[in-house]
Protein backbone atom coordinates (compact mmCIF):
# COMPACT_ATOMS: atom_id res chain seq x y z
CA MET A 1 -15.86 18.23 38.45
CA GLU A 2 -17.68 17.58 35.18
CA GLU A 3 -18.90 21.18 34.88
CA ARG A 4 -15.32 22.40 35.34
CA LEU A 5 -13.71 19.94 32.92
CA ILE A 6 -15.05 19.36 29.41
CA ILE A 7 -13.20 16.61 27.54
CA VAL A 8 -13.59 16.62 23.76
CA GLY A 9 -12.69 13.25 22.23
CA THR A 10 -11.60 13.72 18.62
CA ALA A 11 -10.64 11.72 15.56
CA HIS A 12 -7.22 13.08 14.59
CA VAL A 13 -8.18 12.92 10.89
CA SER A 14 -11.76 14.23 11.00
CA LYS A 15 -13.04 17.58 9.69
CA ARG A 16 -16.00 17.24 12.02
CA SER A 17 -13.61 17.04 15.00
CA ILE A 18 -12.11 20.41 14.07
CA GLU A 19 -15.56 21.97 13.93
CA GLU A 20 -16.58 20.38 17.23
CA VAL A 21 -13.44 21.59 19.02
CA LEU A 22 -13.99 25.18 17.87
CA GLU A 23 -17.68 25.07 18.78
CA VAL A 24 -17.00 23.80 22.31
CA ILE A 25 -14.27 26.36 23.01
CA GLU A 26 -16.44 29.22 21.75
CA LYS A 27 -19.46 28.02 23.72
CA GLU A 28 -17.74 27.19 27.04
CA LYS A 29 -15.24 30.08 27.05
CA PRO A 30 -12.87 28.18 29.38
CA ASP A 31 -9.98 29.66 31.34
CA ALA A 32 -7.60 27.18 29.67
CA VAL A 33 -7.49 24.75 26.76
CA ALA A 34 -5.59 21.52 27.40
CA VAL A 35 -4.24 19.60 24.42
CA GLU A 36 -2.81 16.13 23.86
CA LEU A 37 0.75 17.33 23.31
CA CYS A 38 4.02 17.30 25.21
CA PRO A 39 6.46 20.26 24.97
CA ARG A 40 8.64 18.39 22.48
CA ARG A 41 5.74 17.61 20.13
CA TYR A 42 4.39 21.15 20.54
CA TYR A 43 7.75 22.57 19.47
CA ALA A 44 7.95 20.16 16.52
CA LEU A 45 4.45 21.17 15.43
CA PHE A 46 5.33 24.83 15.05
CA ASN A 47 9.08 24.71 14.40
CA LYS A 48 11.74 22.68 12.62
CA PRO A 49 13.11 20.34 15.31
CA GLU A 50 16.77 19.32 15.34
CA ILE A 51 17.18 15.59 14.99
CA SER A 52 20.41 13.76 15.73
CA ILE A 53 21.36 11.33 12.97
CA ARG A 54 23.69 9.59 15.41
CA GLU A 55 20.83 8.97 17.87
CA ALA A 56 18.58 7.77 15.05
CA LEU A 57 21.17 5.23 13.89
CA ASN A 58 21.93 4.17 17.46
CA ASN A 59 18.43 2.69 17.73
CA ILE A 60 17.45 2.06 14.13
CA SER A 61 14.51 -0.22 14.90
CA LEU A 62 12.83 2.26 17.23
CA THR A 63 13.38 5.14 14.79
CA LEU A 64 11.93 3.10 11.91
CA PHE A 65 8.92 2.23 14.08
CA GLN A 66 8.26 5.90 14.80
CA VAL A 67 8.68 6.83 11.14
CA ILE A 68 6.30 4.10 9.92
CA LEU A 69 3.72 4.98 12.59
CA ALA A 70 3.80 8.65 11.58
CA TYR A 71 3.66 7.71 7.89
CA LEU A 72 0.55 5.54 8.35
CA GLN A 73 -1.19 8.29 10.31
CA GLN A 74 -0.40 10.76 7.52
CA LYS A 75 -1.65 8.25 4.94
CA ILE A 76 -5.04 7.95 6.69
CA GLY A 77 -5.20 11.73 6.95
CA ARG A 78 -4.69 12.15 3.22
CA GLU A 79 -7.51 9.71 2.50
CA VAL A 80 -9.99 11.87 4.41
CA GLY A 81 -8.42 15.18 3.37
CA VAL A 82 -7.38 16.24 6.87
CA LYS A 83 -3.87 16.60 8.20
CA PRO A 84 -3.46 14.52 11.41
CA GLY A 85 -3.58 16.71 14.49
CA SER A 86 -5.40 19.56 12.73
CA GLU A 87 -7.95 19.72 15.54
CA ILE A 88 -5.11 20.19 18.06
CA VAL A 89 -3.66 23.04 16.01
CA ALA A 90 -7.15 24.56 15.65
CA ALA A 91 -7.67 24.38 19.43
CA ILE A 92 -4.33 26.08 20.12
CA GLU A 93 -4.94 28.84 17.58
CA LYS A 94 -8.48 29.41 18.89
CA ALA A 95 -7.22 29.63 22.47
CA LYS A 96 -4.59 32.19 21.47
CA GLU A 97 -7.19 34.17 19.55
CA MET A 98 -9.45 34.29 22.63
CA GLY A 99 -6.57 35.01 25.03
CA ILE A 100 -6.95 31.63 26.75
CA ASP A 101 -4.03 29.72 28.30
CA VAL A 102 -2.86 26.54 26.56
CA ILE A 103 -1.84 23.55 28.70
CA LEU A 104 0.28 20.70 27.35
CA ILE A 105 -0.86 17.55 29.18
CA ASP A 106 0.71 14.62 27.33
CA ARG A 107 3.73 12.63 28.53
CA ASP A 108 7.03 13.34 26.78
CA VAL A 109 7.08 11.38 23.52
CA GLY A 110 10.66 10.23 24.15
CA ILE A 111 9.66 8.63 27.46
CA THR A 112 6.63 6.99 25.85
CA PHE A 113 8.57 5.36 23.01
CA SER A 114 11.49 4.40 25.25
CA ARG A 115 9.15 2.68 27.71
CA LEU A 116 7.40 0.98 24.80
CA TRP A 117 10.58 -0.34 23.21
CA ASN A 118 12.06 -1.55 26.49
CA SER A 119 8.87 -3.42 27.37
CA LEU A 120 8.60 -5.47 24.16
CA ASN A 121 10.56 -8.63 23.49
CA LEU A 122 11.96 -9.40 20.03
CA LEU A 123 8.92 -11.40 18.87
CA GLU A 124 6.52 -8.65 20.01
CA LYS A 125 8.56 -6.04 18.12
CA ILE A 126 8.54 -8.16 14.96
CA LYS A 127 4.78 -8.68 15.26
CA LEU A 128 4.26 -4.94 15.65
CA PHE A 129 6.45 -4.16 12.62
CA ILE A 130 4.56 -6.69 10.48
CA TYR A 131 1.24 -5.16 11.54
CA LEU A 132 2.42 -1.66 10.65
CA PHE A 133 3.97 -2.71 7.34
CA LYS A 134 0.81 -4.54 6.31
CA GLY A 135 -1.09 -1.31 6.82
CA LYS A 136 -4.49 -2.83 7.59
CA ASP A 137 -7.26 -1.20 5.56
CA PHE A 138 -10.00 0.47 7.59
CA ASP A 139 -13.33 1.80 6.43
CA ILE A 140 -12.62 5.52 6.65
CA ASP A 141 -16.27 6.46 7.18
CA GLU A 142 -16.56 3.95 9.99
CA MET A 143 -13.33 5.18 11.54
CA VAL A 144 -14.60 8.77 11.57
CA LYS A 145 -17.83 7.61 13.22
CA ARG A 146 -15.88 5.46 15.69
CA PRO A 147 -12.50 7.18 16.20
CA ASP A 148 -11.57 4.66 18.89
CA LEU A 149 -11.60 1.87 16.28
CA LEU A 150 -7.82 1.99 15.80
CA VAL A 151 -7.32 1.81 19.57
CA GLU A 152 -9.46 -1.34 19.83
CA GLU A 153 -7.59 -2.94 16.94
CA PHE A 154 -4.25 -2.01 18.47
CA ARG A 155 -5.17 -3.65 21.78
CA LYS A 156 -5.78 -6.93 19.94
CA ILE A 157 -2.43 -6.78 18.14
CA SER A 158 -0.29 -5.78 21.14
CA PRO A 159 -1.89 -5.41 24.60
CA LYS A 160 1.48 -4.44 26.10
CA ALA A 161 2.02 -1.67 23.55
CA ALA A 162 -1.55 -0.45 24.07
CA LYS A 163 -0.95 -0.23 27.83
CA ILE A 164 2.04 2.08 27.33
CA LEU A 165 0.81 4.10 24.35
CA ILE A 166 -2.74 4.53 25.62
CA ASP A 167 -3.42 3.55 29.24
CA GLU A 168 -0.31 5.12 30.79
CA ARG A 169 -0.84 8.31 28.84
CA ASP A 170 -4.46 8.38 29.98
CA ALA A 171 -3.22 8.29 33.56
CA TYR A 172 -0.63 10.99 32.94
CA MET A 173 -3.11 13.31 31.22
CA ALA A 174 -5.67 12.72 33.98
CA TYR A 175 -3.04 13.68 36.56
CA CYS A 176 -2.11 16.86 34.66
CA LEU A 177 -5.75 17.87 34.27
CA ARG A 178 -6.48 17.32 37.94
CA GLU A 179 -3.50 19.50 38.87
CA ALA A 180 -4.59 22.18 36.38
CA LEU A 181 -8.06 22.30 37.96
CA ASN A 182 -6.39 23.68 41.10
CA LYS A 183 -5.47 26.76 39.05
CA TYR A 184 -8.26 27.14 36.48
CA ARG A 185 -12.01 27.38 37.02
CA LYS A 186 -12.94 25.70 33.72
CA ILE A 187 -10.86 23.68 31.24
CA VAL A 188 -11.64 22.28 27.80
CA ALA A 189 -9.40 19.30 27.08
CA VAL A 190 -8.85 18.21 23.46
CA VAL A 191 -7.66 14.60 23.23
CA GLY A 192 -7.97 11.64 20.89
CA ALA A 193 -11.25 9.77 21.27
CA GLY A 194 -9.35 6.66 22.33
CA HIS A 195 -8.13 8.54 25.44
CA LYS A 196 -11.40 10.16 26.54
CA ARG A 197 -12.88 7.27 28.53
CA GLY A 198 -9.55 6.37 30.14
CA ILE A 199 -9.00 9.94 31.33
CA GLU A 200 -12.52 10.14 32.73
CA GLU A 201 -12.01 6.88 34.63
CA LYS A 202 -8.64 7.94 36.06
CA ILE A 203 -9.33 11.61 36.83
CA ASN A 204 -10.20 10.80 40.46
CA GLU A 205 -7.77 7.91 40.94
CA LYS A 206 -4.48 8.11 42.80
CA ILE A 207 -1.75 8.03 40.17
CA ASP A 208 1.87 7.06 40.79
CA LEU A 209 3.54 9.54 38.46
CA LYS A 210 7.03 8.15 39.08
CA GLU A 211 5.98 4.72 37.86
CA ILE A 212 4.73 5.94 34.46
CA LEU A 213 7.62 8.36 33.89
CA GLU A 214 10.49 6.05 34.72
CA VAL A 215 12.50 4.73 31.78
CA LYS A 216 14.02 1.52 33.05
CA ARG A 217 17.30 0.61 31.49
CA LYS A 218 17.66 -3.11 31.26
CA ARG A 219 20.53 -4.07 33.50
CA ILE A 220 21.00 -7.23 31.51
CA ASN A 221 20.57 -6.92 27.76
CA ILE A 222 20.12 -10.52 26.62
CA PHE A 223 20.81 -9.67 22.99
CA LYS A 224 24.09 -7.89 23.79
CA ILE A 225 25.20 -10.69 26.10
CA PHE A 226 24.42 -13.23 23.37
CA ALA A 227 26.29 -11.10 20.82
CA LEU A 228 29.30 -10.86 23.14
CA LEU A 229 29.31 -14.61 23.80
CA PHE A 230 28.93 -15.34 20.10
CA SER A 231 31.86 -13.01 19.31
CA ILE A 232 33.98 -14.87 21.88
CA PHE A 233 32.88 -18.15 20.33
CA VAL A 234 33.90 -17.05 16.82
CA ALA A 235 37.23 -15.70 18.07
CA THR A 236 37.80 -19.05 19.78
CA LEU A 237 37.21 -20.85 16.47
CA PHE A 238 39.99 -18.83 14.85
CA ILE A 239 42.30 -19.41 17.83
CA LEU A 240 41.71 -23.14 17.57
CA LEU A 241 42.48 -23.01 13.86
CA ALA A 242 45.66 -21.04 14.54
CA PHE A 243 46.90 -23.84 16.78
CA SER A 244 46.40 -26.42 14.05
CA SER A 245 47.48 -24.56 10.90
CA THR A 246 48.49 -21.02 9.99
CA GLN A 247 47.41 -21.63 6.40
CA GLU A 248 43.97 -22.85 7.49
CA VAL A 249 43.34 -19.84 9.74
CA LEU A 250 44.24 -17.46 6.92
CA GLU A 251 41.94 -19.34 4.55
CA ALA A 252 39.14 -19.31 7.14
CA LEU A 253 39.58 -15.56 7.65
CA LYS A 254 39.26 -15.09 3.89
CA PHE A 255 35.94 -16.95 3.83
CA TRP A 256 34.80 -15.08 6.96
CA PHE A 257 35.55 -11.79 5.25
CA LEU A 258 33.75 -12.77 2.03
CA ILE A 259 30.66 -14.33 3.64
CA ASN A 260 30.09 -11.44 6.04
CA GLY A 261 30.90 -8.81 3.44
CA LEU A 262 28.71 -10.27 0.70
CA LEU A 263 25.64 -10.72 2.91
CA ALA A 264 25.95 -7.33 4.64
CA SER A 265 26.47 -5.51 1.33
CA SER A 266 23.52 -7.45 -0.15
CA GLY A 267 21.33 -5.96 2.57
CA ALA A 268 22.60 -2.50 1.65
CA LEU A 269 21.94 -3.19 -2.05
CA ILE A 270 18.35 -4.27 -1.33
CA ALA A 271 17.87 -0.90 0.40
CA ARG A 272 19.23 0.77 -2.77
CA ALA A 273 22.24 2.18 -0.96
CA HIS A 274 24.88 4.41 -2.51
CA PRO A 275 27.79 2.34 -3.96
CA LEU A 276 30.15 3.72 -1.29
CA SER A 277 27.73 2.61 1.46
CA VAL A 278 27.60 -0.86 -0.10
CA LEU A 279 31.40 -0.94 -0.21
CA THR A 280 31.56 0.17 3.43
CA ALA A 281 29.24 -2.67 4.42
CA PHE A 282 31.35 -5.16 2.44
CA LEU A 283 34.69 -4.04 3.91
CA THR A 284 33.66 -3.65 7.56
CA ALA A 285 31.17 -6.49 8.20
CA TRP A 286 33.86 -9.08 8.96
CA LEU A 287 35.24 -6.90 11.77
CA THR A 288 31.96 -5.57 13.20
CA SER A 289 30.73 -9.18 13.41
CA LEU A 290 33.52 -9.81 15.90
CA ASN A 291 32.70 -6.68 17.90
CA PRO A 292 29.26 -6.62 19.60
CA PHE A 293 29.59 -2.90 20.39
CA ILE A 294 29.56 -1.65 16.81
CA ALA A 295 27.37 -2.63 13.86
CA ALA A 296 28.06 -2.64 10.13
CA GLY A 297 24.73 -0.89 9.63
CA TRP A 298 25.86 2.10 11.70
CA LEU A 299 28.86 2.58 9.43
CA SER A 300 27.00 2.11 6.15
CA GLY A 301 24.20 4.36 7.46
CA ILE A 302 26.65 7.15 8.34
CA VAL A 303 28.24 6.93 4.88
CA GLU A 304 24.77 6.92 3.29
CA ALA A 305 23.78 10.05 5.25
CA TRP A 306 27.03 11.74 4.19
CA LYS A 307 26.74 10.86 0.49
CA ARG A 308 23.06 11.82 0.25
CA LYS A 309 23.74 15.09 2.10
CA LEU A 310 20.95 14.43 4.59
CA THR A 311 19.30 17.51 6.12
CA ILE A 312 16.59 18.23 8.68
CA ASP A 313 14.24 19.09 5.81
CA ASP A 314 14.51 15.51 4.53
CA ILE A 315 13.26 14.29 7.89
CA LEU A 316 10.41 16.80 7.96
CA LYS A 317 9.37 15.82 4.40
CA LEU A 318 8.41 12.35 5.67
CA LYS A 319 4.96 13.65 6.52
CA ASP A 320 4.36 14.59 2.88
CA GLU A 321 5.17 11.20 1.34
CA LYS A 322 2.01 9.71 -0.19
CA THR A 323 3.08 6.16 -1.10
CA PHE A 324 5.68 3.65 0.01
CA SER A 325 7.50 4.38 -3.24
CA ASP A 326 7.66 8.05 -2.22
CA LEU A 327 8.87 6.99 1.19
CA MET A 328 11.71 5.05 -0.44
CA LYS A 329 12.78 8.24 -2.20
CA ASN A 330 13.05 10.09 1.10
CA LYS A 331 16.72 10.41 2.09
CA PHE A 332 16.14 9.97 5.81
CA PHE A 333 14.02 6.85 5.42
CA ARG A 334 16.58 5.44 2.97
CA VAL A 335 19.43 5.99 5.45
CA LEU A 336 17.50 4.12 8.15
CA LEU A 337 16.64 1.30 5.74
CA VAL A 338 20.25 0.97 4.57
CA ALA A 339 21.45 0.74 8.16
CA ALA A 340 18.73 -1.75 9.15
CA LEU A 341 19.13 -4.11 6.17
CA THR A 342 22.93 -3.96 6.37
CA ASN A 343 22.64 -5.15 9.98
CA VAL A 344 20.27 -7.95 8.96
CA GLY A 345 22.74 -9.10 6.30
CA SER A 346 25.64 -8.86 8.74
CA ILE A 347 23.82 -11.00 11.31
CA ALA A 348 23.09 -13.60 8.64
CA GLY A 349 26.75 -13.50 7.57
CA THR A 350 27.95 -14.01 11.14
CA ILE A 351 25.73 -17.04 11.65
CA TYR A 352 26.47 -18.67 8.30
CA GLY A 353 30.18 -17.78 8.49
CA SER A 354 30.49 -19.50 11.87
CA TYR A 355 28.65 -22.56 10.57
CA TYR A 356 30.90 -22.70 7.49
CA ILE A 357 34.10 -22.59 9.53
CA MET A 358 32.90 -25.22 11.99
CA THR A 359 31.83 -27.65 9.28
CA ASN A 360 34.71 -27.16 6.81
CA TYR A 361 37.76 -27.07 9.08
CA ASN A 362 39.15 -29.61 11.49
CA ILE A 363 38.91 -27.83 14.84
CA SER A 364 39.89 -29.79 17.91
CA VAL A 365 38.46 -28.23 21.05
CA GLN A 366 40.14 -30.91 23.17
CA GLU A 367 43.59 -30.03 21.85
CA PHE A 368 43.01 -26.37 22.66
CA ILE A 369 41.91 -27.17 26.24
CA ASN A 370 44.88 -29.47 26.76
CA TYR A 371 47.23 -26.77 25.51
CA ILE A 372 45.80 -24.18 27.92
CA PHE A 373 46.08 -26.46 30.94
CA LYS A 374 49.64 -27.47 30.06
CA LYS A 375 50.58 -23.83 30.03
């Protein structure tokens, strides 16, 4: 099978990789060129993809993770003077020039990130975010010589993430290549160097495609259940207060409003939100803290997107930002940051607000239980 399948392992930010890809395609003259892309990423590479702001805000953490990952890849590319994925583009253009079919062999990026996010617990997600934000410095020359260096480092940081981002995709690409060999006599496959060995190992293995394509929705979302129970708990505190004193419950609601509003709006301020977004966070946090199905960050993020007149071009410009300061000036990144930090402030407000009410008001749980049973 080796003479029929030539796998070129590339560094996505290496000029030498571009040259090597072109040399191999010209020399081998394959019937097809396979590239490490899915249809969605292929379309995004050559077109302006439509991105739903609502979907982005619905899972802010995942969207931020994708943005930061793409930003870091672009940053490395700028340091070596090569746009990430240039060798993939070069392979596609060369194939079209020679009249050779192009095969997209990567798993859909949406499935990959969904499987990744669902597999990580909260601590693993935080650890991954910290690693990405720190932006570990690599020796660029060494990384070009050993393009699998990032893969090795990533396995140390998060083995579970590496399994989904690397190993599962290796299996999927191996499956696609094996199927393609039933149609084409010779194929040149252009993939990241970190995938080359995995594909070679799995090319003759039996692969359960259903297992690596399934996006399992957690039947029980622990965080949402906790949020719901906490909301019930807070509502119970106010009910207990209402039984003891109307004046006290009104006073407690005032403090609840102020504590939640101030902390949520502080998060928006730290993200340099528009004044109207800050006001939205301040006015709505007290209510969203009692409703686990809506977040203050969603509302402030929507207002931020509206006031900044967010467009698809703002999202596409992310790849051109050179520093974190530039990233902060990007409207799309700012909207995500406003939504995320508003939510962080709102969570802090909910926790401290509950603590304040419990410790500053005379709430008798026993009296409430007795009242219920008498009824």
